[in-house]
Protein backbone atom coordinates (compact mmCIF):
# COMPACT_ATOMS: atom_id res chain seq x y z
CA MET A 1 -15.44 -24.10 5.58
CA ASN A 2 -13.72 -23.22 2.49
CA ASN A 3 -10.86 -25.56 1.10
CA ALA A 4 -7.46 -23.23 2.07
CA SER A 5 -5.66 -24.69 -0.67
CA THR A 6 -7.29 -23.73 -3.57
CA PHE A 7 -8.83 -20.14 -3.82
CA LYS A 8 -9.73 -20.09 -7.69
CA TYR A 9 -12.73 -17.90 -8.92
CA PRO A 10 -15.52 -20.15 -10.20
CA GLY A 11 -15.58 -20.10 -13.78
CA THR A 12 -13.19 -21.59 -16.01
CA ASP A 13 -13.92 -19.42 -18.84
CA ARG A 14 -13.35 -15.96 -17.14
CA MET A 15 -10.36 -17.33 -15.86
CA GLN A 16 -8.92 -18.14 -19.45
CA ALA A 17 -10.12 -14.78 -20.21
CA SER A 18 -8.40 -13.49 -17.69
CA SER A 19 -4.97 -14.96 -18.61
CA ARG A 20 -4.97 -13.32 -22.00
CA GLY A 21 -5.57 -10.40 -21.03
CA SER A 22 -2.33 -10.51 -18.46
CA ALA A 23 -0.15 -11.56 -21.45
CA MET A 24 -1.37 -8.72 -23.30
CA HIS A 25 -0.71 -6.31 -20.84
CA LYS A 26 2.79 -5.48 -20.71
CA GLY A 27 2.66 -4.16 -16.76
CA ILE A 28 5.33 -1.46 -15.19
CA ALA A 29 8.36 0.11 -16.70
CA ASP A 30 11.85 0.27 -14.40
CA VAL A 31 11.65 4.30 -16.14
CA TYR A 32 10.27 5.92 -18.59
CA THR A 33 11.91 9.05 -19.16
CA ASP A 34 14.08 10.41 -15.91
CA ILE A 35 13.73 9.03 -12.66
CA GLU A 36 14.09 12.45 -10.93
CA ALA A 37 11.85 14.39 -13.44
CA GLU A 38 8.78 11.12 -12.62
CA TYR A 39 9.42 11.41 -8.78
CA ASP A 40 9.17 15.59 -8.95
CA ALA A 41 5.98 15.04 -10.96
CA ALA A 42 4.24 12.63 -7.83
CA VAL A 43 5.35 14.88 -5.15
CA ARG A 44 4.95 18.67 -7.19
CA ALA A 45 2.16 17.48 -10.24
CA ALA A 46 1.45 14.41 -11.53
CA ALA A 47 2.12 10.64 -11.85
CA LEU A 48 0.33 7.98 -13.31
CA ILE A 49 1.73 4.26 -12.29
CA ASP A 50 1.26 0.71 -13.14
CA GLN A 51 0.40 -1.22 -10.21
CA SER A 52 -1.13 -4.43 -11.29
CA ALA A 53 0.77 -6.33 -8.72
CA ILE A 54 -1.07 -5.75 -5.89
CA GLY A 55 -2.82 -8.44 -4.54
CA MET A 56 -6.37 -8.86 -4.80
CA ILE A 57 -9.21 -10.99 -3.04
CA GLU A 58 -12.78 -10.63 -3.70
CA MET A 59 -15.09 -11.91 -0.76
CA HIS A 60 -17.98 -13.25 -1.24
CA GLY A 61 -21.50 -13.86 0.96
CA ARG A 62 -23.99 -12.50 3.79
CA ASP A 63 -21.34 -12.51 6.88
CA ALA A 64 -17.72 -11.17 4.64
CA LEU A 65 -18.16 -8.31 5.92
CA ASP A 66 -18.83 -8.96 9.86
CA LEU A 67 -15.93 -11.51 9.26
CA LEU A 68 -13.50 -9.22 8.17
CA HIS A 69 -14.80 -6.76 11.02
CA ARG A 70 -13.76 -8.81 13.43
CA LEU A 71 -10.30 -9.87 11.73
CA SER A 72 -8.78 -6.26 11.47
CA THR A 73 -8.07 -3.16 12.95
CA ASN A 74 -10.86 -0.49 11.58
CA ASP A 75 -14.60 -0.55 12.19
CA LEU A 76 -15.78 -1.79 8.99
CA LEU A 77 -18.89 -2.13 10.18
CA ARG A 78 -19.61 1.90 9.27
CA VAL A 79 -18.52 1.16 5.80
CA GLY A 80 -21.66 1.17 3.71
CA VAL A 81 -21.91 -0.36 0.80
CA GLY A 82 -20.11 2.17 -2.02
CA GLY A 83 -17.56 2.36 0.83
CA VAL A 84 -13.74 2.43 0.85
CA ALA A 85 -11.29 2.28 3.84
CA PRO A 86 -7.80 1.20 5.04
CA SER A 87 -7.05 -1.93 7.43
CA VAL A 88 -4.23 -3.45 8.85
CA LEU A 89 -4.60 -7.69 9.83
CA VAL A 90 -2.94 -8.54 13.12
CA THR A 91 -1.48 -11.69 14.27
CA GLU A 92 -2.77 -12.67 18.31
CA LYS A 93 0.36 -10.81 19.74
CA GLY A 94 -0.49 -7.68 17.69
CA ARG A 95 2.25 -7.99 15.18
CA VAL A 96 1.58 -7.19 10.92
CA ILE A 97 0.13 -9.70 8.95
CA ASP A 98 -0.64 -7.00 5.65
CA TYR A 99 -2.39 -3.65 5.12
CA LEU A 100 -5.20 -3.90 2.88
CA HIS A 101 -7.89 -1.50 1.27
CA VAL A 102 -11.90 -2.93 1.54
CA LEU A 103 -13.77 -1.69 -1.10
CA VAL A 104 -17.17 -2.60 -0.17
CA PHE A 105 -19.78 -3.56 -3.46
CA PRO A 106 -23.21 -4.42 -2.88
CA ASP A 107 -22.39 -8.23 -4.05
CA ARG A 108 -18.77 -8.64 -2.64
CA ILE A 109 -15.99 -7.09 -0.47
CA MET A 110 -13.09 -6.34 -2.67
CA LEU A 111 -9.26 -6.89 -0.54
CA LEU A 112 -6.46 -4.79 -2.25
CA VAL A 113 -3.31 -6.44 -0.10
CA SER A 114 0.46 -6.75 -0.42
CA ALA A 115 2.06 -7.79 -3.83
CA GLY A 116 2.71 -11.37 -3.58
CA ASN A 117 0.58 -11.73 0.12
CA GLU A 118 -2.99 -13.06 -1.50
CA GLN A 119 -2.45 -16.70 -0.84
CA ARG A 120 -1.38 -15.96 3.02
CA VAL A 121 -4.20 -13.09 3.67
CA ALA A 122 -7.21 -15.64 2.36
CA SER A 123 -5.84 -18.39 4.06
CA TRP A 124 -5.67 -16.28 7.38
CA ILE A 125 -9.04 -15.62 6.85
CA GLU A 126 -10.14 -19.07 6.13
CA LYS A 127 -8.51 -19.78 8.91
CA PHE A 128 -11.34 -18.26 11.07
CA THR A 129 -14.19 -19.08 8.52
CA ILE A 130 -15.97 -21.40 10.53
CA MET A 131 -19.75 -21.54 10.10
CA GLU A 132 -20.24 -18.36 7.99
CA ASP A 133 -21.35 -17.52 5.06
CA VAL A 134 -18.50 -16.28 3.35
CA ARG A 135 -16.46 -17.45 0.89
CA SER A 136 -13.05 -16.32 0.03
CA TYR A 137 -11.18 -15.70 -3.96
CA VAL A 138 -8.07 -14.84 -4.91
CA VAL A 139 -8.33 -12.09 -8.29
CA THR A 140 -5.37 -10.53 -8.78
CA ASP A 141 -4.90 -11.94 -12.50
CA ARG A 142 -8.65 -10.39 -13.17
CA PHE A 143 -7.69 -6.96 -12.85
CA SER A 144 -5.28 -4.34 -13.13
CA LEU A 145 -4.90 -1.22 -11.02
CA PHE A 146 -3.63 2.08 -11.72
CA THR A 147 -2.97 4.39 -9.50
CA LEU A 148 -2.40 8.99 -10.24
CA ILE A 149 -0.36 9.84 -7.83
CA GLY A 150 0.73 13.87 -6.95
CA PRO A 151 -1.75 16.94 -5.59
CA PRO A 152 -4.35 17.01 -8.52
CA ALA A 153 -5.28 13.50 -8.17
CA LYS A 154 -8.90 14.05 -7.17
CA GLN A 155 -9.20 17.09 -9.73
CA ILE A 156 -8.01 15.05 -12.35
CA GLY A 157 -9.99 12.25 -11.19
CA GLU A 158 -13.56 14.64 -11.13
CA HIS A 159 -12.19 15.50 -15.03
CA LEU A 160 -11.83 11.55 -16.10
CA PHE A 161 -15.08 10.72 -14.44
CA GLY A 162 -17.09 13.56 -14.80
CA SER A 163 -18.05 13.42 -11.05
CA THR A 164 -17.61 14.44 -7.74
CA VAL A 165 -14.72 12.55 -6.05
CA GLU A 166 -14.86 11.82 -2.58
CA SER A 167 -12.41 10.35 0.07
CA GLY A 168 -13.66 6.76 1.14
CA LYS A 169 -16.11 6.63 -1.72
CA LEU A 170 -15.96 4.15 -4.97
CA ILE A 171 -16.36 5.76 -8.19
CA VAL A 172 -18.07 3.85 -11.10
CA GLY A 173 -17.05 5.58 -14.54
CA GLU A 174 -15.86 5.03 -18.11
CA ILE A 175 -12.63 5.61 -19.36
CA ASP A 176 -12.74 5.15 -23.17
CA ALA A 177 -15.93 3.02 -22.86
CA THR A 178 -14.35 0.48 -20.42
CA LEU A 179 -16.07 0.44 -16.72
CA VAL A 180 -13.51 1.81 -14.01
CA HIS A 181 -13.73 1.37 -10.29
CA ALA A 182 -12.11 4.33 -8.65
CA PHE A 183 -11.08 5.96 -5.04
CA TYR A 184 -9.61 8.37 -3.97
CA ARG A 185 -7.64 8.59 -0.39
CA LYS A 186 -5.16 10.99 1.19
CA GLU A 187 -2.62 9.04 3.29
CA PHE A 188 1.26 9.36 3.82
CA GLU A 189 0.77 12.73 3.08
CA SER A 190 -0.28 11.85 -0.68
CA ASP A 191 -2.79 12.18 -2.45
CA LEU A 192 -4.03 9.01 -4.60
CA LEU A 193 -6.40 7.99 -7.33
CA ASP A 194 -6.56 4.06 -8.07
CA MET A 195 -7.97 2.72 -10.22
CA ILE A 196 -9.34 -0.57 -10.92
CA VAL A 197 -9.80 -1.90 -14.51
CA GLU A 198 -10.29 -5.80 -16.13
CA ARG A 199 -6.95 -7.15 -17.11
CA SER A 200 -8.40 -8.10 -20.75
CA ALA A 201 -8.59 -4.02 -20.92
CA ALA A 202 -5.90 -2.83 -18.89
CA GLU A 203 -3.47 -1.90 -22.58
CA LYS A 204 -6.46 -0.42 -23.79
CA VAL A 205 -7.17 1.98 -20.67
CA TRP A 206 -3.23 3.00 -20.13
CA ARG A 207 -2.98 3.53 -23.76
CA TYR A 208 -5.80 5.89 -23.35
CA LEU A 209 -4.56 7.65 -19.98
CA ALA A 210 -0.73 7.74 -21.10
CA GLY A 211 -2.16 8.70 -24.58
CA ARG A 212 -3.99 12.34 -22.96
CA ARG A 213 -0.78 12.46 -20.55
CA GLN A 214 0.07 15.78 -21.61
CA GLU A 215 -3.84 17.37 -21.48
CA LEU A 216 -4.13 15.82 -17.97
CA GLY A 217 -0.53 16.95 -16.69
CA VAL A 218 0.99 13.64 -15.71
CA SER A 219 3.87 12.37 -16.01
CA LEU A 220 4.26 8.12 -16.19
CA MET A 221 6.16 6.63 -13.24
CA GLY A 222 8.19 3.68 -13.09
CA ALA A 223 9.11 1.26 -10.65
CA SER A 224 12.65 3.28 -10.03
CA ALA A 225 10.61 6.67 -9.08
CA TYR A 226 8.19 4.91 -7.46
CA GLU A 227 10.63 3.17 -5.22
CA VAL A 228 12.05 6.69 -4.05
CA PHE A 229 8.53 8.08 -3.42
CA ARG A 230 7.30 5.01 -1.26
CA ILE A 231 9.81 5.31 1.31
CA THR A 232 10.26 9.33 1.16
CA ARG A 233 6.99 9.15 1.91
CA GLY A 234 6.56 6.13 4.68
CA MET A 235 4.72 3.99 3.02
CA PRO A 236 5.35 0.37 3.95
CA LEU A 237 6.22 -2.67 2.03
CA LEU A 238 5.50 -6.10 2.61
CA ALA A 239 8.91 -8.00 4.48
CA HIS A 240 9.70 -4.43 5.47
CA GLU A 241 8.15 -2.41 7.35
CA LEU A 242 4.38 -4.97 6.88
CA SER A 243 6.65 -7.72 9.00
CA ASP A 244 5.86 -9.45 11.98
CA ALA A 245 8.34 -7.47 14.01
CA PHE A 246 6.05 -4.49 14.05
CA ASN A 247 3.26 -3.33 15.27
CA PRO A 248 0.88 -0.88 13.24
CA PHE A 249 1.71 1.88 15.13
CA GLU A 250 5.58 1.41 15.02
CA VAL A 251 4.87 1.26 10.60
CA GLY A 252 2.69 4.48 10.52
CA LEU A 253 -0.63 2.47 10.35
CA ARG A 254 -2.13 4.33 13.29
CA HIS A 255 -4.75 5.82 10.51
CA ALA A 256 -6.03 2.49 10.26
CA ILE A 257 -7.08 1.37 13.45
CA SER A 258 -10.40 2.21 15.40
CA PHE A 259 -9.62 2.68 19.20
CA THR A 260 -13.65 2.10 19.64
CA LYS A 261 -14.86 -0.81 18.18
CA GLY A 262 -15.50 -4.27 19.40
CA CYS A 263 -12.84 -7.31 19.74
CA TYR A 264 -10.76 -7.89 16.57
CA ILE A 265 -7.96 -10.33 16.31
CA GLY A 266 -4.85 -9.17 18.30
CA GLN A 267 -7.31 -6.01 19.97
CA GLU A 268 -6.08 -6.66 23.19
CA VAL A 269 -2.53 -5.74 22.31
CA ILE A 270 -3.34 -3.01 20.43
CA ALA A 271 -5.68 -1.63 23.00
CA ARG A 272 -2.92 -2.19 25.45
CA LEU A 273 -0.26 -0.37 23.87
CA GLU A 274 -2.46 2.44 23.18
CA THR A 275 -4.18 2.60 26.68
CA TYR A 276 -0.51 2.42 28.27
CA GLN A 277 1.38 4.51 25.59
CA LYS A 278 3.43 1.36 25.56
CA VAL A 279 4.73 2.10 21.64
CA GLN A 280 8.18 2.65 21.90
CA ARG A 281 9.26 3.07 18.15
CA ARG A 282 8.06 5.22 15.10
CA LEU A 283 9.07 4.76 11.27
CA GLU A 284 11.22 7.78 9.97
CA GLY A 285 12.97 8.77 7.06
CA ILE A 286 17.04 8.24 6.53
CA VAL A 287 18.76 10.51 4.26
CA PHE A 288 22.49 9.31 3.38
CA ASP A 289 24.71 9.59 0.39
CA GLN A 290 24.22 8.35 -3.03
CA ASN A 291 27.75 6.81 -2.91
CA ALA A 292 27.34 4.43 0.58
CA SER A 293 26.72 1.20 0.63
CA VAL A 294 23.92 0.02 2.54
CA GLN A 295 21.23 -2.46 2.83
CA SER A 296 17.71 -3.36 4.49
CA GLY A 297 18.75 -5.02 7.86
CA SER A 298 21.51 -2.69 8.47
CA THR A 299 21.30 -1.92 12.74
CA LEU A 300 21.66 1.40 13.21
CA VAL A 301 23.26 3.21 16.42
CA HIS A 302 23.29 7.02 17.63
CA ALA A 303 26.13 8.35 20.25
CA GLY A 304 27.49 4.74 20.82
CA GLU A 305 23.60 3.43 21.32
CA GLU A 306 21.60 1.04 19.03
CA VAL A 307 18.60 3.13 18.06
CA GLY A 308 16.75 0.94 15.18
CA VAL A 309 16.98 -0.71 11.78
CA LEU A 310 17.21 0.18 8.73
CA THR A 311 13.81 -1.50 7.39
CA SER A 312 13.99 -0.25 3.24
CA SER A 313 16.89 1.35 1.29
CA SER A 314 16.58 2.96 -1.95
CA SER A 315 18.65 2.12 -4.80
CA LYS A 316 18.55 5.25 -6.74
CA ALA A 317 18.97 8.68 -6.01
CA ILE A 318 17.42 12.04 -6.57
CA ARG A 319 19.70 14.85 -6.26
CA GLY A 320 22.97 13.00 -5.16
CA ARG A 321 20.54 11.86 -2.07
CA ARG A 322 18.97 8.38 -1.52
CA CYS A 323 16.49 7.91 1.58
CA GLY A 324 15.83 4.83 4.01
CA LEU A 325 12.84 3.97 6.38
CA ALA A 326 13.56 3.61 9.49
CA VAL A 327 12.09 1.92 13.21
CA LEU A 328 13.28 4.09 15.60
CA LYS A 329 13.81 3.88 19.81
CA MET A 330 11.24 6.97 20.55
CA HIS A 331 13.19 9.57 23.11
CA ARG A 332 16.74 8.71 21.64
CA ILE A 333 16.85 10.08 18.21
CA HIS A 334 15.30 13.40 16.04
CA SER A 335 15.32 14.72 13.03
CA ASP A 336 18.11 16.03 12.07
CA ASP A 337 20.39 13.91 14.01
CA PRO A 338 23.55 12.14 12.91
CA ILE A 339 22.80 8.11 12.57
CA GLY A 340 25.06 5.47 11.41
CA ILE A 341 24.56 2.68 8.96
CA VAL A 342 25.89 -0.48 10.28
CA GLY A 343 27.05 -2.35 7.40
CA PRO A 344 29.51 -5.76 5.84
CA GLN A 345 32.07 -2.91 4.80
CA GLY A 346 31.46 -0.81 7.61
CA THR A 347 29.36 1.67 9.41
CA VAL A 348 27.67 4.82 6.78
CA GLN A 349 26.62 7.68 8.28
CA GLY A 350 23.03 9.39 7.33
CA VAL A 351 21.04 11.44 8.76
CA CYS A 352 17.39 10.99 10.23
CA ALA A 353 14.29 12.70 9.06
CA THR A 354 11.09 13.48 9.45
CA LEU A 355 8.56 12.13 7.05
CA PRO A 356 7.91 13.06 4.36
CA VAL A 357 11.16 13.84 3.20
CA LEU A 358 11.80 15.87 0.50
CA LEU A 359 15.09 14.68 -1.68
């Protein structure tokens, strides 16, 4: 069994080069131009965001894919070399550990996990690595990830790489003579193209894409606009929706679950919830006034009854309105119903809104 306390990539020189690249790359800005313009670009046109904080893990060894298949919710044995698939790690009780994307390379598997959750996920994998030929390494510091968001993301990807872009398939190409691994996905009512580059080349690739943004029809997107976009699209976030307080159904991750594969950790609970229609809660949007004082974790009430919890709340407004995500009791509240957000300064009034929410 591997040592769960050390998940460093082999090769000191490689790690040192990675650190130098990290120092060069500045990362995401809070705002580039205007929050509303950046948000609108992601909804109606295209936006480019730096998501290099996303956690990355590499798994090596002949049993890596089989082990991950037995640990997570999706049927990963159907994902061949060059494929990409979403999956969820859950506890034995069917509660969420993390939502991840699995990239299958000829010589390794790469996992994209929530920012800051790499060590926990690596340790979870290590816990179940007994006799398998599997070695797991946290490689977040070695790579950067840029994401194109918006309806033309697929077409822009085909223009950049000069090849067909298919959902769930890895693209190996170049941007400004730099090796890039990319993949397109349509999730949470959004078109997304993720591009992975070595951290040492990240600044070069970002400058190239930013320099061609007018030609490509792309706007740069900062952290503030992305926060609003994420919430309005129902994209779950670690420690908010991705939490052991919820199962995958309750936070919009049904698309990452296979109901025909064999056993995996938490499978009995997940199967029972589906078979007997035991899912009692769902993820919805909550819209409220820009001046309202609300915070994540607040209790939600409707018609005098507690109906759920606010899991995320945007700190910025778009056209005078802010949005939150909530896990709500099914059949107790519907779209456009008024809802009370109970906070330390009293109850704030909001409205339930079906995802995706357009502000």
